[in-house]
C-alpha atoms as a PDB file:
ATOM      1  CA  MET A   1       0.000   0.000   0.000  1.00  0.00           C
ATOM      2  CA  LYS A   2       1.446   3.389  -1.009  1.00  0.00           C
ATOM      3  CA  ILE A   3       1.460   5.826   1.899  1.00  0.00           C
ATOM      4  CA  THR A   4       1.994   9.587   1.839  1.00  0.00           C
ATOM      5  CA  ALA A   5       2.326  11.959   4.770  1.00  0.00           C
ATOM      6  CA  ARG A   6      -0.877  13.994   4.369  1.00  0.00           C
ATOM      7  CA  GLU A   7      -3.361  11.228   3.638  1.00  0.00           C
ATOM      8  CA  SER A   8      -5.905   9.855   6.064  1.00  0.00           C
ATOM      9  CA  TYR A   9      -6.556   6.157   6.355  1.00  0.00           C
ATOM     10  CA  ARG A  10      -9.368   3.826   7.256  1.00  0.00           C
ATOM     11  CA  THR A  11      -9.234   1.210   9.977  1.00  0.00           C
ATOM     12  CA  VAL A  12      -8.921  -1.479   7.325  1.00  0.00           C
ATOM     13  CA  ASP A  13      -5.814   0.289   5.980  1.00  0.00           C
ATOM     14  CA  LEU A  14      -4.095   0.068   9.373  1.00  0.00           C
ATOM     15  CA  ALA A  15      -5.085  -3.580   9.669  1.00  0.00           C
ATOM     16  CA  ARG A  16      -3.661  -4.394   6.240  1.00  0.00           C
ATOM     17  CA  ALA A  17      -0.437  -2.488   6.923  1.00  0.00           C
ATOM     18  CA  ALA A  18       0.072  -4.471  10.144  1.00  0.00           C
ATOM     19  CA  GLY A  19      -1.096  -7.795   8.718  1.00  0.00           C
ATOM     20  CA  THR A  20      -3.893  -8.167  11.231  1.00  0.00           C
ATOM     21  CA  HIS A  21      -7.691  -7.852  11.578  1.00  0.00           C
ATOM     22  CA  GLU A  22      -9.650  -4.613  11.864  1.00  0.00           C
ATOM     23  CA  ASN A  23     -10.884  -5.677  15.302  1.00  0.00           C
ATOM     24  CA  THR A  24      -7.271  -5.793  16.496  1.00  0.00           C
ATOM     25  CA  VAL A  25      -6.872  -2.144  15.466  1.00  0.00           C
ATOM     26  CA  ARG A  26     -10.035  -1.255  17.403  1.00  0.00           C
ATOM     27  CA  LEU A  27      -8.804  -3.155  20.463  1.00  0.00           C
ATOM     28  CA  TYR A  28      -5.412  -1.445  20.328  1.00  0.00           C
ATOM     29  CA  ALA A  29      -7.172   1.914  20.252  1.00  0.00           C
ATOM     30  CA  GLU A  30      -9.380   0.877  23.190  1.00  0.00           C
ATOM     31  CA  TRP A  31      -6.361  -0.284  25.210  1.00  0.00           C
ATOM     32  CA  GLY A  32      -4.423   2.927  24.601  1.00  0.00           C
ATOM     33  CA  PHE A  33      -1.909   1.529  22.108  1.00  0.00           C
ATOM     34  CA  LEU A  34      -3.091   3.981  19.433  1.00  0.00           C
ATOM     35  CA  ALA A  35      -3.929   7.673  19.744  1.00  0.00           C
ATOM     36  CA  THR A  36      -7.592   8.672  19.469  1.00  0.00           C
ATOM     37  CA  PRO A  37      -8.195   9.535  15.797  1.00  0.00           C
ATOM     38  CA  GLU A  38     -10.383  12.206  14.301  1.00  0.00           C
ATOM     39  CA  ARG A  39     -13.656  11.078  12.757  1.00  0.00           C
ATOM     40  CA  ALA A  40     -15.228  11.811   9.408  1.00  0.00           C
ATOM     41  CA  GLU A  41     -18.770  13.162   9.118  1.00  0.00           C
ATOM     42  CA  ASN A  42     -20.021   9.605   8.695  1.00  0.00           C
ATOM     43  CA  GLY A  43     -18.346   8.614  11.999  1.00  0.00           C
ATOM     44  CA  TYR A  44     -15.516   6.605  10.453  1.00  0.00           C
ATOM     45  CA  ARG A  45     -12.111   6.922  12.063  1.00  0.00           C
ATOM     46  CA  LEU A  46      -9.542   8.934  10.131  1.00  0.00           C
ATOM     47  CA  TRP A  47      -6.067   7.615  10.878  1.00  0.00           C
ATOM     48  CA  ARG A  48      -2.803   9.379  10.027  1.00  0.00           C
ATOM     49  CA  ARG A  49       0.517   8.128   8.728  1.00  0.00           C
ATOM     50  CA  GLU A  50       1.851   8.306  12.302  1.00  0.00           C
ATOM     51  CA  ASP A  51      -0.876   5.911  13.399  1.00  0.00           C
ATOM     52  CA  ILE A  52       0.302   3.319  10.891  1.00  0.00           C
ATOM     53  CA  ASP A  53       3.808   3.663  12.332  1.00  0.00           C
ATOM     54  CA  GLN A  54       2.405   3.274  15.842  1.00  0.00           C
ATOM     55  CA  MET A  55       0.329   0.250  14.858  1.00  0.00           C
ATOM     56  CA  LEU A  56       3.386  -1.458  13.391  1.00  0.00           C
ATOM     57  CA  PHE A  57       5.406  -0.530  16.479  1.00  0.00           C
ATOM     58  CA  ALA A  58       2.745  -1.907  18.833  1.00  0.00           C
ATOM     59  CA  ARG A  59       2.499  -5.166  16.901  1.00  0.00           C
ATOM     60  CA  LEU A  60       6.274  -5.565  17.001  1.00  0.00           C
ATOM     61  CA  ALA A  61       6.310  -5.020  20.762  1.00  0.00           C
ATOM     62  CA  LEU A  62       3.232  -7.020  21.732  1.00  0.00           C
ATOM     63  CA  HIS A  63       2.774  -9.859  19.274  1.00  0.00           C
ATOM     64  CA  GLY A  64       3.762 -13.338  20.468  1.00  0.00           C
ATOM     65  CA  MET A  65       4.299 -15.039  23.820  1.00  0.00           C
ATOM     66  CA  TRP A  66       5.130 -12.959  26.871  1.00  0.00           C
ATOM     67  CA  PRO A  67       8.356 -13.959  28.643  1.00  0.00           C
ATOM     68  CA  GLY A  68       7.454 -12.875  32.148  1.00  0.00           C
ATOM     69  CA  ARG A  69       5.452 -10.140  33.859  1.00  0.00           C
ATOM     70  CA  ARG A  70       8.283  -7.605  34.133  1.00  0.00           C
ATOM     71  CA  ILE A  71       9.098  -7.724  30.435  1.00  0.00           C
ATOM     72  CA  ARG A  72       5.405  -7.594  29.565  1.00  0.00           C
ATOM     73  CA  GLU A  73       4.779  -4.526  31.740  1.00  0.00           C
ATOM     74  CA  SER A  74       7.863  -2.814  30.321  1.00  0.00           C
ATOM     75  CA  ALA A  75       6.686  -3.411  26.743  1.00  0.00           C
ATOM     76  CA  LEU A  76       3.175  -2.162  27.508  1.00  0.00           C
ATOM     77  CA  ALA A  77       4.511   1.038  29.099  1.00  0.00           C
ATOM     78  CA  LEU A  78       6.820   1.577  26.129  1.00  0.00           C
ATOM     79  CA  VAL A  79       3.985   1.267  23.610  1.00  0.00           C
ATOM     80  CA  ARG A  80       1.752   3.632  25.582  1.00  0.00           C
ATOM     81  CA  ARG A  81       4.563   6.204  25.830  1.00  0.00           C
ATOM     82  CA  ALA A  82       5.034   6.092  22.059  1.00  0.00           C
ATOM     83  CA  THR A  83       1.277   6.597  21.623  1.00  0.00           C
ATOM     84  CA  THR A  84       1.547  10.041  23.259  1.00  0.00           C
ATOM     85  CA  GLY A  85       3.985  11.180  20.584  1.00  0.00           C
ATOM     86  CA  ASP A  86       6.854  11.462  23.075  1.00  0.00           C
ATOM     87  CA  LEU A  87       9.244   9.529  20.870  1.00  0.00           C
ATOM     88  CA  ALA A  88      12.351  10.764  22.692  1.00  0.00           C
ATOM     89  CA  GLY A  89      10.928   9.473  25.977  1.00  0.00           C
ATOM     90  CA  ALA A  90       9.905   6.244  24.277  1.00  0.00           C
ATOM     91  CA  ALA A  91      13.475   5.822  22.990  1.00  0.00           C
ATOM     92  CA  ARG A  92      14.764   6.076  26.567  1.00  0.00           C
ATOM     93  CA  ASP A  93      12.149   3.543  27.682  1.00  0.00           C
ATOM     94  CA  ALA A  94      13.175   1.248  24.825  1.00  0.00           C
ATOM     95  CA  ALA A  95      16.813   1.336  25.961  1.00  0.00           C
ATOM     96  CA  ARG A  96      15.731   0.425  29.509  1.00  0.00           C
ATOM     97  CA  HIS A  97      13.511  -2.334  28.108  1.00  0.00           C
ATOM     98  CA  LEU A  98      16.472  -3.817  26.238  1.00  0.00           C
ATOM     99  CA  GLY A  99      18.510  -3.670  29.455  1.00  0.00           C
ATOM    100  CA  LEU A 100      15.770  -5.540  31.325  1.00  0.00           C
ATOM    101  CA  VAL A 101      15.633  -8.291  28.695  1.00  0.00           C
ATOM    102  CA  GLU A 102      19.417  -8.613  28.675  1.00  0.00           C
ATOM    103  CA  ALA A 103      19.496  -8.878  32.476  1.00  0.00           C
ATOM    104  CA  GLU A 104      16.884 -11.648  32.384  1.00  0.00           C
ATOM    105  CA  LEU A 105      18.863 -13.462  29.708  1.00  0.00           C
ATOM    106  CA  GLU A 106      22.057 -13.121  31.735  1.00  0.00           C
ATOM    107  CA  ASN A 107      20.306 -14.661  34.764  1.00  0.00           C
ATOM    108  CA  ALA A 108      18.974 -17.525  32.645  1.00  0.00           C
ATOM    109  CA  GLU A 109      22.406 -18.177  31.135  1.00  0.00           C
ATOM    110  CA  ALA A 110      24.016 -18.137  34.596  1.00  0.00           C
ATOM    111  CA  ALA A 111      21.467 -20.642  35.947  1.00  0.00           C
ATOM    112  CA  ALA A 112      22.054 -22.946  32.971  1.00  0.00           C
ATOM    113  CA  ALA A 113      25.816 -22.687  33.489  1.00  0.00           C
ATOM    114  CA  PHE A 114      25.349 -23.518  37.194  1.00  0.00           C
ATOM    115  CA  LEU A 115      23.324 -26.586  36.194  1.00  0.00           C
ATOM    116  CA  GLU A 116      25.978 -27.862  33.803  1.00  0.00           C
ATOM    117  CA  SER A 117      28.759 -27.184  36.305  1.00  0.00           C
ATOM    118  CA  TRP A 118      26.880 -29.142  38.972  1.00  0.00           C
ATOM    119  CA  ALA A 119      26.164 -31.997  36.553  1.00  0.00           C
ATOM    120  CA  ARG A 120      29.898 -32.267  35.895  1.00  0.00           C
ATOM    121  CA  GLY A 121      30.534 -32.412  39.648  1.00  0.00           C
ATOM    122  CA  GLU A 122      32.270 -29.025  39.758  1.00  0.00           C
ATOM    123  CA  ALA A 123      29.813 -26.734  41.541  1.00  0.00           C
ATOM    124  CA  MET A 124      29.326 -28.598  44.839  1.00  0.00           C
ATOM    125  CA  PRO A 125      29.905 -32.019  46.392  1.00  0.00           C
ATOM    126  CA  ARG A 126      27.856 -34.953  45.161  1.00  0.00           C
ATOM    127  CA  GLY A 127      27.525 -38.493  46.459  1.00  0.00           C
ATOM    128  CA  ASP A 128      27.436 -39.715  50.054  1.00  0.00           C
ATOM    129  CA  GLY A 129      27.530 -37.431  53.063  1.00  0.00           C
ATOM    130  CA  PRO A 130      25.536 -36.362  56.147  1.00  0.00           C
ATOM    131  CA  ARG A 131      21.780 -36.375  55.641  1.00  0.00           C
ATOM    132  CA  MET A 132      19.294 -33.754  56.789  1.00  0.00           C
ATOM    133  CA  GLY A 133      15.614 -33.678  57.561  1.00  0.00           C
ATOM    134  CA  PRO A 134      13.149 -31.578  55.529  1.00  0.00           C
ATOM    135  CA  ARG A 135      13.429 -28.385  57.586  1.00  0.00           C
ATOM    136  CA  GLU A 136      17.221 -28.504  57.795  1.00  0.00           C
ATOM    137  CA  ALA A 137      17.429 -29.110  54.067  1.00  0.00           C
ATOM    138  CA  ALA A 138      15.085 -26.197  53.356  1.00  0.00           C
ATOM    139  CA  ASP A 139      17.235 -23.869  55.471  1.00  0.00           C
ATOM    140  CA  ALA A 140      20.399 -25.101  53.759  1.00  0.00           C
ATOM    141  CA  VAL A 141      19.130 -24.233  50.273  1.00  0.00           C
ATOM    142  CA  SER A 142      17.185 -21.046  51.199  1.00  0.00           C
ATOM    143  CA  ALA A 143      13.820 -22.585  50.332  1.00  0.00           C
ATOM    144  CA  SER A 144      10.775 -23.587  52.350  1.00  0.00           C
ATOM    145  CA  PRO A 145       9.774 -27.176  53.163  1.00  0.00           C
ATOM    146  CA  ASP A 146       6.570 -26.619  51.181  1.00  0.00           C
ATOM    147  CA  GLN A 147       8.549 -25.557  48.114  1.00  0.00           C
ATOM    148  CA  ILE A 148      10.720 -28.640  48.290  1.00  0.00           C
ATOM    149  CA  ARG A 149       7.681 -30.847  48.788  1.00  0.00           C
ATOM    150  CA  ASN A 150       6.075 -29.271  45.728  1.00  0.00           C
ATOM    151  CA  TRP A 151       9.181 -29.942  43.643  1.00  0.00           C
ATOM    152  CA  GLU A 152       9.079 -33.546  44.812  1.00  0.00           C
ATOM    153  CA  ARG A 153       5.423 -33.828  43.797  1.00  0.00           C
ATOM    154  CA  ASN A 154       6.392 -32.536  40.364  1.00  0.00           C
ATOM    155  CA  ARG A 155       9.051 -35.275  40.140  1.00  0.00           C
ATOM    156  CA  LEU A 156      11.945 -32.829  40.028  1.00  0.00           C
ATOM    157  CA  VAL A 157      13.546 -34.430  43.091  1.00  0.00           C
ATOM    158  CA  ASN A 158      13.352 -38.047  44.258  1.00  0.00           C
ATOM    159  CA  THR A 159      14.352 -38.022  47.909  1.00  0.00           C
ATOM    160  CA  PRO A 160      15.118 -41.305  49.731  1.00  0.00           C
ATOM    161  CA  ARG A 161      13.713 -41.991  53.183  1.00  0.00           C
ATOM    162  CA  ASP A 162      15.584 -42.794  56.352  1.00  0.00           C
ATOM    163  CA  PRO A 163      15.031 -46.534  56.938  1.00  0.00           C
ATOM    164  CA  ASP A 164      14.712 -45.997  60.708  1.00  0.00           C
ATOM    165  CA  THR A 165      12.384 -42.996  60.856  1.00  0.00           C
ATOM    166  CA  GLY A 166      10.673 -43.107  57.454  1.00  0.00           C
ATOM    167  CA  ARG A 167      11.329 -39.380  57.049  1.00  0.00           C
ATOM    168  CA  ARG A 168      12.836 -37.910  53.916  1.00  0.00           C
ATOM    169  CA  ALA A 169      16.615 -37.674  54.242  1.00  0.00           C
ATOM    170  CA  TYR A 170      18.485 -35.152  52.105  1.00  0.00           C
ATOM    171  CA  GLY A 171      22.137 -35.772  51.315  1.00  0.00           C
ATOM    172  CA  PRO A 172      24.620 -33.814  49.144  1.00  0.00           C
ATOM    173  CA  GLU A 173      23.108 -35.201  45.925  1.00  0.00           C
ATOM    174  CA  GLU A 174      19.552 -34.095  46.759  1.00  0.00           C
ATOM    175  CA  LEU A 175      20.662 -30.742  48.186  1.00  0.00           C
ATOM    176  CA  GLY A 176      22.701 -30.028  45.077  1.00  0.00           C
ATOM    177  CA  ARG A 177      19.792 -30.858  42.822  1.00  0.00           C
ATOM    178  CA  ILE A 178      17.432 -28.692  44.882  1.00  0.00           C
ATOM    179  CA  ARG A 179      19.835 -25.741  44.645  1.00  0.00           C
ATOM    180  CA  VAL A 180      19.980 -26.166  40.877  1.00  0.00           C
ATOM    181  CA  ILE A 181      16.175 -26.417  40.614  1.00  0.00           C
ATOM    182  CA  ARG A 182      15.693 -23.322  42.760  1.00  0.00           C
ATOM    183  CA  SER A 183      18.225 -21.416  40.655  1.00  0.00           C
ATOM    184  CA  LEU A 184      16.482 -22.406  37.418  1.00  0.00           C
ATOM    185  CA  LEU A 185      13.016 -21.509  38.719  1.00  0.00           C
ATOM    186  CA  LEU A 186      14.211 -18.125  39.976  1.00  0.00           C
ATOM    187  CA  ALA A 187      15.784 -17.488  36.566  1.00  0.00           C
ATOM    188  CA  GLY A 188      12.421 -18.102  34.866  1.00  0.00           C
ATOM    189  CA  TYR A 189      12.531 -21.683  33.576  1.00  0.00           C
ATOM    190  CA  SER A 190       9.247 -23.578  33.723  1.00  0.00           C
ATOM    191  CA  VAL A 191       8.626 -26.715  35.770  1.00  0.00           C
ATOM    192  CA  SER A 192       8.060 -28.553  32.470  1.00  0.00           C
ATOM    193  CA  ALA A 193      11.455 -27.516  31.151  1.00  0.00           C
ATOM    194  CA  ILE A 194      13.185 -28.525  34.387  1.00  0.00           C
ATOM    195  CA  LEU A 195      11.369 -31.872  34.446  1.00  0.00           C
ATOM    196  CA  ARG A 196      12.533 -32.483  30.877  1.00  0.00           C
ATOM    197  CA  MET A 197      16.090 -31.772  31.997  1.00  0.00           C
ATOM    198  CA  VAL A 198      16.088 -33.905  35.176  1.00  0.00           C
ATOM    199  CA  THR A 199      14.587 -36.805  33.229  1.00  0.00           C
ATOM    200  CA  GLU A 200      17.616 -36.747  30.954  1.00  0.00           C
ATOM    201  CA  LEU A 201      19.905 -36.240  33.931  1.00  0.00           C
ATOM    202  CA  ASP A 202      18.503 -39.340  35.628  1.00  0.00           C
ATOM    203  CA  ARG A 203      19.151 -41.290  32.442  1.00  0.00           C
ATOM    204  CA  GLY A 204      22.831 -40.451  32.845  1.00  0.00           C
ATOM    205  CA  ARG A 205      23.146 -37.406  30.643  1.00  0.00           C
ATOM    206  CA  THR A 206      25.519 -34.773  32.060  1.00  0.00           C
ATOM    207  CA  THR A 207      26.319 -32.645  28.985  1.00  0.00           C
ATOM    208  CA  GLU A 208      24.382 -30.142  26.879  1.00  0.00           C
ATOM    209  CA  LEU A 209      21.641 -29.948  29.496  1.00  0.00           C
ATOM    210  CA  ARG A 210      21.103 -26.319  28.520  1.00  0.00           C
ATOM    211  CA  ASP A 211      19.845 -27.566  25.142  1.00  0.00           C
ATOM    212  CA  VAL A 212      17.506 -30.019  26.858  1.00  0.00           C
ATOM    213  CA  LEU A 213      16.052 -27.168  28.938  1.00  0.00           C
ATOM    214  CA  ASP A 214      15.350 -25.119  25.842  1.00  0.00           C
ATOM    215  CA  ASN A 215      14.061 -27.730  23.403  1.00  0.00           C
ATOM    216  CA  PRO A 216      10.769 -29.555  24.063  1.00  0.00           C
ATOM    217  CA  ARG A 217      10.546 -33.114  22.819  1.00  0.00           C
ATOM    218  CA  PRO A 218       8.357 -33.807  19.758  1.00  0.00           C
ATOM    219  CA  ASP A 219       5.715 -35.419  22.003  1.00  0.00           C
ATOM    220  CA  GLU A 220       5.706 -32.475  24.417  1.00  0.00           C
ATOM    221  CA  ASP A 221       3.543 -29.386  24.197  1.00  0.00           C
ATOM    222  CA  ALA A 222       5.422 -26.111  24.782  1.00  0.00           C
ATOM    223  CA  LEU A 223       2.609 -23.870  25.958  1.00  0.00           C
ATOM    224  CA  THR A 224       4.490 -20.862  27.341  1.00  0.00           C
ATOM    225  CA  ALA A 225       7.626 -18.832  26.715  1.00  0.00           C
ATOM    226  CA  PHE A 226       9.078 -20.330  29.907  1.00  0.00           C
ATOM    227  CA  ASP A 227       9.187 -23.773  28.293  1.00  0.00           C
ATOM    228  CA  ARG A 228      11.810 -22.415  25.877  1.00  0.00           C
ATOM    229  CA  TRP A 229      13.173 -19.722  28.148  1.00  0.00           C
ATOM    230  CA  LEU A 230      16.592 -19.074  26.599  1.00  0.00           C
ATOM    231  CA  HIS A 231      15.106 -19.047  23.102  1.00  0.00           C
ATOM    232  CA  SER A 232      12.274 -16.744  24.198  1.00  0.00           C
ATOM    233  CA  LEU A 233      14.617 -14.266  25.864  1.00  0.00           C
ATOM    234  CA  ASP A 234      16.976 -14.240  22.909  1.00  0.00           C
ATOM    235  CA  GLU A 235      13.995 -13.551  20.662  1.00  0.00           C
ATOM    236  CA  GLN A 236      12.919 -10.735  22.978  1.00  0.00           C
ATOM    237  CA  ARG A 237      16.405  -9.229  22.851  1.00  0.00           C
ATOM    238  CA  THR A 238      16.233  -9.187  19.046  1.00  0.00           C
ATOM    239  CA  ARG A 239      12.777  -7.635  19.270  1.00  0.00           C
ATOM    240  CA  ALA A 240      13.906  -4.999  21.784  1.00  0.00           C
ATOM    241  CA  ARG A 241      16.706  -3.931  19.442  1.00  0.00           C
ATOM    242  CA  ALA A 242      14.218  -3.754  16.569  1.00  0.00           C
ATOM    243  CA  LEU A 243      11.969  -1.516  18.695  1.00  0.00           C
ATOM    244  CA  ILE A 244      14.851   0.910  19.209  1.00  0.00           C
ATOM    245  CA  ASP A 245      15.472   0.991  15.451  1.00  0.00           C
ATOM    246  CA  ALA A 246      11.750   1.444  14.751  1.00  0.00           C
ATOM    247  CA  LEU A 247      11.540   4.399  17.126  1.00  0.00           C
ATOM    248  CA  GLU A 248      14.504   6.031  15.432  1.00  0.00           C
ATOM    249  CA  GLU A 249      12.754   5.695  12.064  1.00  0.00           C
ATOM    250  CA  MET A 250       9.532   7.072  13.561  1.00  0.00           C
ATOM    251  CA  LYS A 251      11.408  10.081  14.959  1.00  0.00           C
ATOM    252  CA  LEU A 252      13.056  10.804  11.609  1.00  0.00           C
ATOM    253  CA  ARG A 253       9.740  10.488   9.783  1.00  0.00           C
ATOM    254  CA  ALA A 254       7.993  12.748  12.323  1.00  0.00           C
ATOM    255  CA  GLU A 255      10.715  15.389  11.974  1.00  0.00           C
ATOM    256  CA  LYS A 256      10.475  15.236   8.183  1.00  0.00           C
ATOM    257  CA  SER A 257       6.693  15.544   8.350  1.00  0.00           C
ATOM    258  CA  SER A 258       6.955  18.485  10.736  1.00  0.00           C
ATOM    259  CA  ARG A 259       9.363  20.290   8.396  1.00  0.00           C
ATOM    260  CA  ALA A 260       7.057  19.639   5.439  1.00  0.00           C
ATOM    261  CA  GLU A 261       4.064  21.024   7.330  1.00  0.00           C
ATOM    262  CA  GLU A 262       6.028  24.121   8.387  1.00  0.00           C
ATOM    263  CA  SER A 263       7.116  24.674   4.788  1.00  0.00           C
ATOM    264  CA  SER A 264       3.524  24.248   3.598  1.00  0.00           C
ATOM    265  CA  ARG A 265       2.245  26.761   6.159  1.00  0.00           C
ATOM    266  CA  ALA A 266       4.954  29.224   5.185  1.00  0.00           C
ATOM    267  CA  GLU A 267       4.021  28.902   1.519  1.00  0.00           C
ATOM    268  CA  GLU A 268       0.316  29.400   2.285  1.00  0.00           C
ATOM    269  CA  SER A 269       1.126  32.433   4.408  1.00  0.00           C
ATOM    270  CA  SER A 270       3.296  33.869   1.650  1.00  0.00           C
ATOM    271  CA  ARG A 271       0.559  33.347  -0.936  1.00  0.00           C
ATOM    272  CA  ALA A 272      -2.029  34.953   1.334  1.00  0.00           C
ATOM    273  CA  GLU A 273       0.251  37.940   1.898  1.00  0.00           C
ATOM    274  CA  GLU A 274       0.840  38.355  -1.828  1.00  0.00           C
ATOM    275  CA  SER A 275      -2.890  38.079  -2.470  1.00  0.00           C
ATOM    276  CA  SER A 276      -3.560  40.702   0.190  1.00  0.00           C
ATOM    277  CA  ARG A 277      -1.083  43.135  -1.336  1.00  0.00           C
ATOM    278  CA  ALA A 278      -2.495  42.560  -4.825  1.00  0.00           C
ATOM    279  CA  ALA A 279      -6.134  42.939  -3.771  1.00  0.00           C
ATOM    280  CA  PRO A 280      -6.390  46.810  -3.971  1.00  0.00           C
ATOM    281  CA  PHE A 281      -5.208  46.741  -7.559  1.00  0.00           C
ATOM    282  CA  SER A 282      -7.579  44.071  -8.775  1.00  0.00           C
END
């Protein structure tokens, strides 16, 4: 679709430009992702070229799975800032958004590295050693007994029982695994992804566990971004960089449009002045 600066556009034009449905455009306007447009005499919305830019920007920021509440809220705030026309402020928000995504990715990478180090026997002792009860174990790994019990229910940890008391007894192997699980959960990995990893670990696999975390099996449904956490964050980093580039293009286009409008007003004023001076002699 050919677009010029001074045209107005229908809702269907925005939808086609963004590759989406007209109802999505209406929802974006309702949610504050698009500025309120003027209306024609027949009540139809009259969108501007800037609105097409904003629609494309919003789709880039919001389309797809959300990798966590903090990133989602940051993206929403960024889109709403751009809607106000404060593109310089939006550019600052976009830089902070990229920093947030990169920090999340760094945490996820560190947790995966901790996992692989532990699996190789480098991060902490494994094997036989003194055993602890549930509360002692929880204190040792900075978790609660309920959290550990929940991880056991989800088959992330298989804790043996003391033959004399029947209570769960946590040794270095279990404590190490619990620390790894806690680290992965805090870094954003899903229970499904961790279960996939520990299943392979229990089969004897100790290498490339990061890949296992990030790649669902063919028979497994990946329902959220957390099931492919590293991939999702890397995708978000690429998207965050694209948002910065898009804002820069929007700023340049807005400046060009502003200069064109100023030039047009100056020409109209000049013509009106010439017409006024010529009027007495006509």
